[in-house]
PDB file of all heavy atoms in Angstrom:
ATOM      1  N   GLN A   1      74.373  96.847  86.573  1.00  0.00           N
ATOM      2  CA  GLN A   1      75.063  95.573  86.702  1.00  0.00           C
ATOM      3  C   GLN A   1      76.554  95.829  86.561  1.00  0.00           C
ATOM      4  O   GLN A   1      77.007  96.350  85.543  1.00  0.00           O
ATOM      5  CB  GLN A   1      74.594  94.596  85.633  1.00  0.00           C
ATOM      6  CG  GLN A   1      75.308  93.247  85.651  1.00  0.00           C
ATOM      7  CD  GLN A   1      74.993  92.448  86.879  1.00  0.00           C
ATOM      8  OE1 GLN A   1      73.841  92.330  87.276  1.00  0.00           O
ATOM      9  NE2 GLN A   1      76.021  91.885  87.513  1.00  0.00           N
ATOM     10  N   MET A   2      77.324  95.454  87.566  1.00  0.00           N
ATOM     11  CA  MET A   2      78.750  95.719  87.603  1.00  0.00           C
ATOM     12  C   MET A   2      79.500  94.389  87.612  1.00  0.00           C
ATOM     13  O   MET A   2      79.369  93.604  88.552  1.00  0.00           O
ATOM     14  CB  MET A   2      79.123  96.552  88.825  1.00  0.00           C
ATOM     15  CG  MET A   2      78.333  97.846  88.956  1.00  0.00           C
ATOM     16  SD  MET A   2      78.902  98.876  90.328  1.00  0.00           S
ATOM     17  CE  MET A   2      78.485  97.808  91.704  1.00  0.00           C
ATOM     18  N   ASN A   3      80.265  94.141  86.570  1.00  0.00           N
ATOM     19  CA  ASN A   3      81.060  92.932  86.436  1.00  0.00           C
ATOM     20  C   ASN A   3      82.547  93.268  86.421  1.00  0.00           C
ATOM     21  O   ASN A   3      82.934  94.418  86.206  1.00  0.00           O
ATOM     22  CB  ASN A   3      80.693  92.184  85.150  1.00  0.00           C
ATOM     23  CG  ASN A   3      79.252  91.754  85.099  1.00  0.00           C
ATOM     24  OD1 ASN A   3      78.663  91.407  86.122  1.00  0.00           O
ATOM     25  ND2 ASN A   3      78.660  91.766  83.912  1.00  0.00           N
ATOM     26  N   SER A   4      83.364  92.263  86.642  1.00  0.00           N
ATOM     27  CA  SER A   4      84.821  92.420  86.613  1.00  0.00           C
ATOM     28  C   SER A   4      85.265  93.582  87.496  1.00  0.00           C
ATOM     29  O   SER A   4      86.084  94.415  87.099  1.00  0.00           O
ATOM     30  CB  SER A   4      85.316  92.613  85.173  1.00  0.00           C
ATOM     31  OG  SER A   4      84.955  91.506  84.373  1.00  0.00           O
ATOM     32  N   LEU A   5      84.743  93.623  88.685  1.00  0.00           N
ATOM     33  CA  LEU A   5      85.044  94.727  89.596  1.00  0.00           C
ATOM     34  C   LEU A   5      86.503  94.674  90.053  1.00  0.00           C
ATOM     35  O   LEU A   5      87.083  93.608  90.220  1.00  0.00           O
ATOM     36  CB  LEU A   5      84.122  94.672  90.804  1.00  0.00           C
ATOM     37  CG  LEU A   5      82.673  95.070  90.529  1.00  0.00           C
ATOM     38  CD1 LEU A   5      81.769  94.611  91.653  1.00  0.00           C
ATOM     39  CD2 LEU A   5      82.575  96.585  90.348  1.00  0.00           C
ATOM     40  N   ASN A   6      87.074  95.839  90.238  1.00  0.00           N
ATOM     41  CA  ASN A   6      88.422  95.966  90.753  1.00  0.00           C
ATOM     42  C   ASN A   6      88.419  96.961  91.905  1.00  0.00           C
ATOM     43  O   ASN A   6      87.446  97.704  92.092  1.00  0.00           O
ATOM     44  CB  ASN A   6      89.403  96.369  89.654  1.00  0.00           C
ATOM     45  CG  ASN A   6      89.061  97.682  88.998  1.00  0.00           C
ATOM     46  OD1 ASN A   6      89.115  98.730  89.632  1.00  0.00           O
ATOM     47  ND2 ASN A   6      88.731  97.633  87.706  1.00  0.00           N
ATOM     48  N   PRO A   7      89.483  97.006  92.708  1.00  0.00           N
ATOM     49  CA  PRO A   7      89.476  97.898  93.867  1.00  0.00           C
ATOM     50  C   PRO A   7      89.258  99.366  93.530  1.00  0.00           C
ATOM     51  O   PRO A   7      88.746 100.121  94.368  1.00  0.00           O
ATOM     52  CB  PRO A   7      90.865  97.676  94.484  1.00  0.00           C
ATOM     53  CG  PRO A   7      91.192  96.269  94.126  1.00  0.00           C
ATOM     54  CD  PRO A   7      90.638  96.089  92.741  1.00  0.00           C
ATOM     55  N   GLU A   8      89.610  99.806  92.329  1.00  0.00           N
ATOM     56  CA  GLU A   8      89.381 101.197  91.934  1.00  0.00           C
ATOM     57  C   GLU A   8      87.906 101.509  91.748  1.00  0.00           C
ATOM     58  O   GLU A   8      87.550 102.681  91.628  1.00  0.00           O
ATOM     59  CB  GLU A   8      90.159 101.533  90.674  1.00  0.00           C
ATOM     60  CG  GLU A   8      91.664 101.534  90.872  1.00  0.00           C
ATOM     61  CD  GLU A   8      92.428 102.040  89.666  1.00  0.00           C
ATOM     62  OE1 GLU A   8      91.802 102.216  88.597  1.00  0.00           O
ATOM     63  OE2 GLU A   8      93.643 102.261  89.790  1.00  0.00           O
ATOM     64  N   ASP A   9      87.052 100.492  91.712  1.00  0.00           N
ATOM     65  CA  ASP A   9      85.619 100.709  91.648  1.00  0.00           C
ATOM     66  C   ASP A   9      85.013 100.987  93.015  1.00  0.00           C
ATOM     67  O   ASP A   9      83.822 101.282  93.104  1.00  0.00           O
ATOM     68  CB  ASP A   9      84.917  99.502  91.019  1.00  0.00           C
ATOM     69  CG  ASP A   9      85.305  99.284  89.572  1.00  0.00           C
ATOM     70  OD1 ASP A   9      85.356 100.271  88.815  1.00  0.00           O
ATOM     71  OD2 ASP A   9      85.569  98.120  89.200  1.00  0.00           O
ATOM     72  N   THR A  10      85.795 100.860  94.070  1.00  0.00           N
ATOM     73  CA  THR A  10      85.296 101.114  95.414  1.00  0.00           C
ATOM     74  C   THR A  10      84.856 102.566  95.553  1.00  0.00           C
ATOM     75  O   THR A  10      85.632 103.485  95.289  1.00  0.00           O
ATOM     76  CB  THR A  10      86.378 100.787  96.453  1.00  0.00           C
ATOM     77  OG1 THR A  10      86.662  99.394  96.434  1.00  0.00           O
ATOM     78  CG2 THR A  10      85.917 101.178  97.851  1.00  0.00           C
ATOM     79  N   ALA A  11      83.612 102.757  95.953  1.00  0.00           N
ATOM     80  CA  ALA A  11      83.056 104.100  96.058  1.00  0.00           C
ATOM     81  C   ALA A  11      81.639 104.003  96.592  1.00  0.00           C
ATOM     82  O   ALA A  11      81.054 102.921  96.674  1.00  0.00           O
ATOM     83  CB  ALA A  11      83.046 104.801  94.691  1.00  0.00           C
ATOM     84  N   VAL A  12      81.077 105.143  96.939  1.00  0.00           N
ATOM     85  CA  VAL A  12      79.651 105.252  97.167  1.00  0.00           C
ATOM     86  C   VAL A  12      79.006 105.526  95.809  1.00  0.00           C
ATOM     87  O   VAL A  12      79.403 106.455  95.106  1.00  0.00           O
ATOM     88  CB  VAL A  12      79.298 106.360  98.160  1.00  0.00           C
ATOM     89  CG1 VAL A  12      77.790 106.503  98.306  1.00  0.00           C
ATOM     90  CG2 VAL A  12      79.927 106.063  99.519  1.00  0.00           C
ATOM     91  N   TYR A  13      78.032 104.722  95.438  1.00  0.00           N
ATOM     92  CA  TYR A  13      77.362 104.843  94.154  1.00  0.00           C
ATOM     93  C   TYR A  13      76.008 105.510  94.338  1.00  0.00           C
ATOM     94  O   TYR A  13      75.238 105.133  95.219  1.00  0.00           O
ATOM     95  CB  TYR A  13      77.196 103.476  93.498  1.00  0.00           C
ATOM     96  CG  TYR A  13      78.469 102.972  92.876  1.00  0.00           C
ATOM     97  CD1 TYR A  13      79.530 102.542  93.674  1.00  0.00           C
ATOM     98  CD2 TYR A  13      78.627 102.935  91.494  1.00  0.00           C
ATOM     99  CE1 TYR A  13      80.708 102.096  93.111  1.00  0.00           C
ATOM    100  CE2 TYR A  13      79.807 102.481  90.922  1.00  0.00           C
ATOM    101  CZ  TYR A  13      80.842 102.064  91.735  1.00  0.00           C
ATOM    102  OH  TYR A  13      82.013 101.613  91.172  1.00  0.00           O
ATOM    103  N   TYR A  14      75.727 106.490  93.498  1.00  0.00           N
ATOM    104  CA  TYR A  14      74.495 107.260  93.555  1.00  0.00           C
ATOM    105  C   TYR A  14      73.740 107.137  92.237  1.00  0.00           C
ATOM    106  O   TYR A  14      74.343 107.194  91.167  1.00  0.00           O
ATOM    107  CB  TYR A  14      74.783 108.750  93.780  1.00  0.00           C
ATOM    108  CG  TYR A  14      75.542 109.073  95.036  1.00  0.00           C
ATOM    109  CD1 TYR A  14      76.929 109.057  95.064  1.00  0.00           C
ATOM    110  CD2 TYR A  14      74.863 109.433  96.201  1.00  0.00           C
ATOM    111  CE1 TYR A  14      77.623 109.371  96.211  1.00  0.00           C
ATOM    112  CE2 TYR A  14      75.554 109.754  97.354  1.00  0.00           C
ATOM    113  CZ  TYR A  14      76.933 109.722  97.354  1.00  0.00           C
ATOM    114  OH  TYR A  14      77.621 110.046  98.495  1.00  0.00           O
ATOM    115  N   CYS A  15      72.437 107.014  92.310  1.00  0.00           N
ATOM    116  CA  CYS A  15      71.611 107.197  91.127  1.00  0.00           C
ATOM    117  C   CYS A  15      71.012 108.595  91.156  1.00  0.00           C
ATOM    118  O   CYS A  15      70.861 109.192  92.218  1.00  0.00           O
ATOM    119  CB  CYS A  15      70.527 106.127  90.997  1.00  0.00           C
ATOM    120  SG  CYS A  15      69.282 106.107  92.288  1.00  0.00           S
ATOM    121  N   ALA A  16      70.708 109.096  89.986  1.00  0.00           N
ATOM    122  CA  ALA A  16      70.215 110.461  89.868  1.00  0.00           C
ATOM    123  C   ALA A  16      69.405 110.604  88.586  1.00  0.00           C
ATOM    124  O   ALA A  16      69.488 109.764  87.689  1.00  0.00           O
ATOM    125  CB  ALA A  16      71.389 111.454  89.867  1.00  0.00           C
ATOM    126  N   THR A  17      68.631 111.673  88.509  1.00  0.00           N
ATOM    127  CA  THR A  17      67.855 111.960  87.314  1.00  0.00           C
ATOM    128  C   THR A  17      68.261 113.304  86.742  1.00  0.00           C
ATOM    129  O   THR A  17      68.657 114.220  87.471  1.00  0.00           O
ATOM    130  CB  THR A  17      66.354 111.970  87.613  1.00  0.00           C
ATOM    131  OG1 THR A  17      66.057 112.972  88.594  1.00  0.00           O
ATOM    132  CG2 THR A  17      65.903 110.616  88.133  1.00  0.00           C
ATOM    133  N   SER A  18      68.141 113.416  85.426  1.00  0.00           N
ATOM    134  CA  SER A  18      68.540 114.620  84.718  1.00  0.00           C
ATOM    135  C   SER A  18      67.454 115.054  83.762  1.00  0.00           C
ATOM    136  O   SER A  18      66.831 114.221  83.109  1.00  0.00           O
ATOM    137  CB  SER A  18      69.845 114.394  83.948  1.00  0.00           C
ATOM    138  OG  SER A  18      70.158 115.512  83.133  1.00  0.00           O
ATOM    139  N   PRO A  19      67.219 116.355  83.635  1.00  0.00           N
ATOM    140  CA  PRO A  19      66.270 116.846  82.654  1.00  0.00           C
ATOM    141  C   PRO A  19      66.817 116.911  81.232  1.00  0.00           C
ATOM    142  O   PRO A  19      66.075 117.233  80.307  1.00  0.00           O
ATOM    143  CB  PRO A  19      65.927 118.253  83.160  1.00  0.00           C
ATOM    144  CG  PRO A  19      67.181 118.683  83.849  1.00  0.00           C
ATOM    145  CD  PRO A  19      67.741 117.437  84.476  1.00  0.00           C
ATOM    146  N   ARG A  20      68.091 116.599  81.035  1.00  0.00           N
ATOM    147  CA  ARG A  20      68.696 116.663  79.713  1.00  0.00           C
ATOM    148  C   ARG A  20      68.078 115.643  78.780  1.00  0.00           C
ATOM    149  O   ARG A  20      67.959 114.462  79.113  1.00  0.00           O
ATOM    150  CB  ARG A  20      70.203 116.435  79.805  1.00  0.00           C
ATOM    151  CG  ARG A  20      70.935 117.486  80.645  1.00  0.00           C
ATOM    152  CD  ARG A  20      71.215 118.725  79.862  1.00  0.00           C
ATOM    153  NE  ARG A  20      72.137 118.482  78.779  1.00  0.00           N
ATOM    154  CZ  ARG A  20      72.652 119.416  78.002  1.00  0.00           C
ATOM    155  NH1 ARG A  20      72.306 120.687  78.187  1.00  0.00           N
ATOM    156  NH2 ARG A  20      73.492 119.088  77.037  1.00  0.00           N
ATOM    157  N   ARG A  21      67.702 116.080  77.589  1.00  0.00           N
ATOM    158  CA  ARG A  21      67.060 115.223  76.598  1.00  0.00           C
ATOM    159  C   ARG A  21      67.914 114.997  75.362  1.00  0.00           C
ATOM    160  O   ARG A  21      67.638 114.068  74.590  1.00  0.00           O
ATOM    161  CB  ARG A  21      65.719 115.822  76.166  1.00  0.00           C
ATOM    162  CG  ARG A  21      64.837 116.290  77.298  1.00  0.00           C
ATOM    163  CD  ARG A  21      63.479 116.710  76.799  1.00  0.00           C
ATOM    164  NE  ARG A  21      62.591 115.567  76.695  1.00  0.00           N
ATOM    165  CZ  ARG A  21      61.713 115.241  77.623  1.00  0.00           C
ATOM    166  NH1 ARG A  21      61.593 115.980  78.724  1.00  0.00           N
ATOM    167  NH2 ARG A  21      60.936 114.180  77.451  1.00  0.00           N
ATOM    168  N   SER A  22      68.916 115.822  75.125  1.00  0.00           N
ATOM    169  CA  SER A  22      69.718 115.727  73.916  1.00  0.00           C
ATOM    170  C   SER A  22      71.078 115.105  74.220  1.00  0.00           C
ATOM    171  O   SER A  22      71.220 113.878  74.268  1.00  0.00           O
ATOM    172  CB  SER A  22      69.865 117.109  73.279  1.00  0.00           C
ATOM    173  OG  SER A  22      70.348 118.062  74.215  1.00  0.00           O
ATOM    174  N   SER A  23      72.106 115.928  74.414  1.00  0.00           N
ATOM    175  CA  SER A  23      73.433 115.413  74.716  1.00  0.00           C
ATOM    176  C   SER A  23      73.437 114.711  76.070  1.00  0.00           C
ATOM    177  O   SER A  23      72.656 115.046  76.969  1.00  0.00           O
ATOM    178  CB  SER A  23      74.461 116.532  74.702  1.00  0.00           C
ATOM    179  OG  SER A  23      74.144 117.526  75.663  1.00  0.00           O
ATOM    180  N   TRP A  24      74.319 113.719  76.213  1.00  0.00           N
ATOM    181  CA  TRP A  24      74.348 112.954  77.453  1.00  0.00           C
ATOM    182  C   TRP A  24      74.893 113.790  78.604  1.00  0.00           C
ATOM    183  O   TRP A  24      75.978 114.364  78.498  1.00  0.00           O
ATOM    184  CB  TRP A  24      75.224 111.712  77.284  1.00  0.00           C
ATOM    185  CG  TRP A  24      74.576 110.652  76.458  1.00  0.00           C
ATOM    186  CD1 TRP A  24      74.862 110.313  75.182  1.00  0.00           C
ATOM    187  CD2 TRP A  24      73.509 109.800  76.874  1.00  0.00           C
ATOM    188  NE1 TRP A  24      74.043 109.284  74.763  1.00  0.00           N
ATOM    189  CE2 TRP A  24      73.202 108.952  75.780  1.00  0.00           C
ATOM    190  CE3 TRP A  24      72.792 109.653  78.056  1.00  0.00           C
ATOM    191  CZ2 TRP A  24      72.204 107.978  75.832  1.00  0.00           C
ATOM    192  CZ3 TRP A  24      71.780 108.704  78.113  1.00  0.00           C
ATOM    193  CH2 TRP A  24      71.508 107.880  77.013  1.00  0.00           C
ATOM    194  N   PRO A  25      74.161 113.846  79.714  1.00  0.00           N
ATOM    195  CA  PRO A  25      74.673 114.593  80.872  1.00  0.00           C
ATOM    196  C   PRO A  25      75.705 113.766  81.616  1.00  0.00           C
ATOM    197  O   PRO A  25      75.454 112.613  81.999  1.00  0.00           O
ATOM    198  CB  PRO A  25      73.415 114.817  81.718  1.00  0.00           C
ATOM    199  CG  PRO A  25      72.524 113.663  81.367  1.00  0.00           C
ATOM    200  CD  PRO A  25      72.807 113.343  79.913  1.00  0.00           C
ATOM    201  N   THR A  26      76.880 114.335  81.817  1.00  0.00           N
ATOM    202  CA  THR A  26      77.967 113.656  82.519  1.00  0.00           C
ATOM    203  C   THR A  26      78.495 114.438  83.702  1.00  0.00           C
ATOM    204  O   THR A  26      79.415 113.974  84.378  1.00  0.00           O
ATOM    205  CB  THR A  26      79.132 113.377  81.554  1.00  0.00           C
ATOM    206  OG1 THR A  26      79.636 114.598  81.026  1.00  0.00           O
ATOM    207  CG2 THR A  26      78.680 112.477  80.409  1.00  0.00           C
ATOM    208  N   ARG A  27      77.939 115.594  83.956  1.00  0.00           N
ATOM    209  CA  ARG A  27      78.384 116.434  85.049  1.00  0.00           C
ATOM    210  C   ARG A  27      77.364 116.414  86.175  1.00  0.00           C
ATOM    211  O   ARG A  27      76.160 116.333  85.944  1.00  0.00           O
ATOM    212  CB  ARG A  27      78.627 117.868  84.586  1.00  0.00           C
ATOM    213  CG  ARG A  27      79.727 118.002  83.547  1.00  0.00           C
ATOM    214  CD  ARG A  27      79.926 119.431  83.114  1.00  0.00           C
ATOM    215  NE  ARG A  27      78.740 119.972  82.459  1.00  0.00           N
ATOM    216  CZ  ARG A  27      78.644 121.194  81.965  1.00  0.00           C
ATOM    217  NH1 ARG A  27      79.684 122.014  82.059  1.00  0.00           N
ATOM    218  NH2 ARG A  27      77.533 121.592  81.383  1.00  0.00           N
ATOM    219  N   ARG A  28      77.843 116.500  87.393  1.00  0.00           N
ATOM    220  CA  ARG A  28      76.976 116.484  88.555  1.00  0.00           C
ATOM    221  C   ARG A  28      75.912 117.571  88.514  1.00  0.00           C
ATOM    222  O   ARG A  28      74.768 117.346  88.925  1.00  0.00           O
ATOM    223  CB  ARG A  28      77.825 116.611  89.828  1.00  0.00           C
ATOM    224  CG  ARG A  28      77.054 116.550  91.124  1.00  0.00           C
ATOM    225  CD  ARG A  28      78.002 116.579  92.298  1.00  0.00           C
ATOM    226  NE  ARG A  28      77.303 116.484  93.574  1.00  0.00           N
ATOM    227  CZ  ARG A  28      77.894 116.394  94.746  1.00  0.00           C
ATOM    228  NH1 ARG A  28      79.222 116.367  94.818  1.00  0.00           N
ATOM    229  NH2 ARG A  28      77.168 116.307  95.853  1.00  0.00           N
ATOM    230  N   THR A  29      76.283 118.729  87.975  1.00  0.00           N
ATOM    231  CA  THR A  29      75.368 119.854  87.946  1.00  0.00           C
ATOM    232  C   THR A  29      74.224 119.662  86.959  1.00  0.00           C
ATOM    233  O   THR A  29      73.259 120.429  86.985  1.00  0.00           O
ATOM    234  CB  THR A  29      76.115 121.146  87.613  1.00  0.00           C
ATOM    235  OG1 THR A  29      76.844 120.982  86.397  1.00  0.00           O
ATOM    236  CG2 THR A  29      77.089 121.502  88.727  1.00  0.00           C
ATOM    237  N   GLU A  30      74.314 118.673  86.089  1.00  0.00           N
ATOM    238  CA  GLU A  30      73.269 118.412  85.112  1.00  0.00           C
ATOM    239  C   GLU A  30      72.182 117.487  85.654  1.00  0.00           C
ATOM    240  O   GLU A  30      71.228 117.173  84.928  1.00  0.00           O
ATOM    241  CB  GLU A  30      73.875 117.822  83.840  1.00  0.00           C
ATOM    242  CG  GLU A  30      74.810 118.782  83.120  1.00  0.00           C
ATOM    243  CD  GLU A  30      75.439 118.170  81.886  1.00  0.00           C
ATOM    244  OE1 GLU A  30      76.270 117.258  82.051  1.00  0.00           O
ATOM    245  OE2 GLU A  30      75.087 118.597  80.776  1.00  0.00           O
ATOM    246  N   TYR A  31      72.305 117.039  86.888  1.00  0.00           N
ATOM    247  CA  TYR A  31      71.330 116.159  87.520  1.00  0.00           C
ATOM    248  C   TYR A  31      70.642 116.892  88.664  1.00  0.00           C
ATOM    249  O   TYR A  31      71.289 117.637  89.403  1.00  0.00           O
ATOM    250  CB  TYR A  31      71.994 114.878  88.016  1.00  0.00           C
ATOM    251  CG  TYR A  31      72.404 113.973  86.885  1.00  0.00           C
ATOM    252  CD1 TYR A  31      73.528 114.237  86.121  1.00  0.00           C
ATOM    253  CD2 TYR A  31      71.635 112.859  86.566  1.00  0.00           C
ATOM    254  CE1 TYR A  31      73.890 113.420  85.068  1.00  0.00           C
ATOM    255  CE2 TYR A  31      71.995 112.024  85.528  1.00  0.00           C
ATOM    256  CZ  TYR A  31      73.121 112.324  84.772  1.00  0.00           C
ATOM    257  OH  TYR A  31      73.474 111.498  83.727  1.00  0.00           O
ATOM    258  N   ASN A  32      69.354 116.650  88.820  1.00  0.00           N
ATOM    259  CA  ASN A  32      68.582 117.420  89.792  1.00  0.00           C
ATOM    260  C   ASN A  32      68.104 116.626  91.000  1.00  0.00           C
ATOM    261  O   ASN A  32      67.994 117.187  92.097  1.00  0.00           O
ATOM    262  CB  ASN A  32      67.397 118.119  89.111  1.00  0.00           C
ATOM    263  CG  ASN A  32      66.602 117.190  88.203  1.00  0.00           C
ATOM    264  OD1 ASN A  32      66.793 115.976  88.206  1.00  0.00           O
ATOM    265  ND2 ASN A  32      65.698 117.765  87.430  1.00  0.00           N
ATOM    266  N   TYR A  33      67.780 115.345  90.831  1.00  0.00           N
ATOM    267  CA  TYR A  33      67.358 114.513  91.948  1.00  0.00           C
ATOM    268  C   TYR A  33      68.380 113.422  92.194  1.00  0.00           C
ATOM    269  O   TYR A  33      68.858 112.789  91.247  1.00  0.00           O
ATOM    270  CB  TYR A  33      65.979 113.914  91.700  1.00  0.00           C
ATOM    271  CG  TYR A  33      64.876 114.937  91.652  1.00  0.00           C
ATOM    272  CD1 TYR A  33      64.351 115.361  90.440  1.00  0.00           C
ATOM    273  CD2 TYR A  33      64.366 115.488  92.824  1.00  0.00           C
ATOM    274  CE1 TYR A  33      63.340 116.302  90.394  1.00  0.00           C
ATOM    275  CE2 TYR A  33      63.364 116.427  92.788  1.00  0.00           C
ATOM    276  CZ  TYR A  33      62.857 116.832  91.566  1.00  0.00           C
ATOM    277  OH  TYR A  33      61.857 117.763  91.520  1.00  0.00           O
ATOM    278  N   TRP A  34      68.680 113.159  93.456  1.00  0.00           N
ATOM    279  CA  TRP A  34      69.720 112.211  93.843  1.00  0.00           C
ATOM    280  C   TRP A  34      69.245 111.278  94.936  1.00  0.00           C
ATOM    281  O   TRP A  34      68.474 111.666  95.823  1.00  0.00           O
ATOM    282  CB  TRP A  34      70.951 112.960  94.360  1.00  0.00           C
ATOM    283  CG  TRP A  34      71.656 113.746  93.317  1.00  0.00           C
ATOM    284  CD1 TRP A  34      71.349 115.000  92.898  1.00  0.00           C
ATOM    285  CD2 TRP A  34      72.799 113.345  92.567  1.00  0.00           C
ATOM    286  NE1 TRP A  34      72.229 115.403  91.913  1.00  0.00           N
ATOM    287  CE2 TRP A  34      73.128 114.402  91.697  1.00  0.00           C
ATOM    288  CE3 TRP A  34      73.576 112.182  92.542  1.00  0.00           C
ATOM    289  CZ2 TRP A  34      74.202 114.341  90.816  1.00  0.00           C
ATOM    290  CZ3 TRP A  34      74.646 112.117  91.669  1.00  0.00           C
ATOM    291  CH2 TRP A  34      74.947 113.187  90.820  1.00  0.00           C
TER     292      TRP A  34
END
C-alpha cells in the first residue's frame, strides 16, 4: 500500500522472495525469485 506518493516514487516495482531468515535482506543479490 503506497500513500502520499510523490514523483520520486516513479519506478517499476518488483516483488521478490528471499531465503534470508535472520537479518533483513535489502540487497538485490539476497533475493532469488522475482
